[in-house]
């Protein structure tokens, strides 16, 4: 299968998929299992704020739904999150 065909199919599929809504549903479902989930995310981000310089690049290796990247991207810093 050609790379152009794969890109075309991927683009068409992504246009019809509501990623933010999917992540919101995933977060709600996971919170049922881990009620303190948000505090765990915040603890991770707090550690980054202490250990790393104000400007850095975080690389999301696509090993999950993107919950940490979404929260990292919402931080009021000059740090970048690349997915």
Protein backbone atom coordinates (compact mmCIF):
# COMPACT_ATOMS: atom_id res chain seq x y z
CA UNK A 1 0.00 0.00 0.00
CA UNK A 2 1.44 3.37 -0.93
CA UNK A 3 2.32 5.94 1.70
CA UNK A 4 0.01 8.50 0.04
CA UNK A 5 -2.94 6.11 0.26
CA UNK A 6 -2.23 5.41 3.92
CA UNK A 7 -2.03 9.17 4.63
CA UNK A 8 -5.28 9.77 2.76
CA UNK A 9 -7.12 7.06 4.69
CA UNK A 10 -5.69 8.22 8.01
CA UNK A 11 -6.70 11.83 7.34
CA UNK A 12 -10.23 10.79 6.37
CA UNK A 13 -10.58 8.65 9.48
CA UNK A 14 -9.25 11.37 11.80
CA UNK A 15 -11.69 13.94 10.39
CA UNK A 16 -14.59 11.78 11.59
CA UNK A 17 -13.22 10.95 15.02
CA UNK A 18 -13.70 13.34 17.94
CA UNK A 19 -10.43 12.85 19.86
CA UNK A 20 -11.18 15.34 22.68
CA UNK A 21 -14.54 13.66 23.36
CA UNK A 22 -12.88 10.23 23.33
CA UNK A 23 -10.24 11.37 25.80
CA UNK A 24 -12.92 12.92 28.02
CA UNK A 25 -14.82 9.62 28.10
CA UNK A 26 -11.59 7.71 28.80
CA UNK A 27 -10.71 10.06 31.69
CA UNK A 28 -14.18 9.69 33.20
CA UNK A 29 -13.98 5.89 32.97
CA UNK A 30 -10.49 5.76 34.48
CA UNK A 31 -11.47 8.08 37.33
CA UNK A 32 -13.95 5.42 38.42
CA UNK A 33 -11.01 3.07 39.01
CA UNK A 34 -8.56 5.67 40.33
CA UNK A 35 -10.47 8.42 42.16
CA UNK A 36 -7.25 10.36 42.86
CA UNK A 37 -6.09 10.17 39.23
CA UNK A 38 -5.96 13.94 38.73
CA UNK A 39 -3.81 14.34 41.84
CA UNK A 40 -1.39 11.76 40.44
CA UNK A 41 -1.12 13.68 37.17
CA UNK A 42 -0.60 16.92 39.08
CA UNK A 43 2.15 15.32 41.18
CA UNK A 44 3.97 14.25 37.99
CA UNK A 45 3.71 17.74 36.53
CA UNK A 46 4.82 19.33 39.82
CA UNK A 47 7.97 17.18 39.77
CA UNK A 48 8.71 18.31 36.21
CA UNK A 49 8.29 21.93 37.27
CA UNK A 50 10.86 21.45 40.06
CA UNK A 51 13.43 19.35 38.19
CA UNK A 52 13.41 20.79 34.67
CA UNK A 53 14.11 24.27 33.37
CA UNK A 54 11.15 26.47 32.46
CA UNK A 55 11.72 25.80 28.76
CA UNK A 56 11.97 22.18 27.69
CA UNK A 57 10.40 19.82 25.19
CA UNK A 58 8.37 16.83 26.38
CA UNK A 59 8.00 14.01 23.87
CA UNK A 60 4.82 11.93 23.93
CA UNK A 61 5.71 8.47 22.63
CA UNK A 62 2.05 7.62 21.99
CA UNK A 63 1.87 4.94 24.65
CA UNK A 64 -1.62 5.84 25.81
CA UNK A 65 -4.63 8.02 25.24
CA UNK A 66 -2.75 11.30 25.64
CA UNK A 67 -4.01 12.20 29.11
CA UNK A 68 -0.63 13.39 30.40
CA UNK A 69 0.17 15.31 27.21
CA UNK A 70 -3.17 17.07 27.34
CA UNK A 71 -2.54 18.19 30.90
CA UNK A 72 1.05 19.18 30.16
CA UNK A 73 -0.06 21.25 27.18
CA UNK A 74 -2.48 23.18 29.39
CA UNK A 75 0.30 24.38 31.70
CA UNK A 76 1.12 28.10 31.65
CA UNK A 77 4.81 27.55 30.83
CA UNK A 78 6.98 27.88 27.81
CA UNK A 79 7.58 24.11 27.77
CA UNK A 80 6.50 22.33 24.59
CA UNK A 81 4.77 18.99 24.30
CA UNK A 82 5.32 17.13 21.05
CA UNK A 83 3.04 14.25 20.19
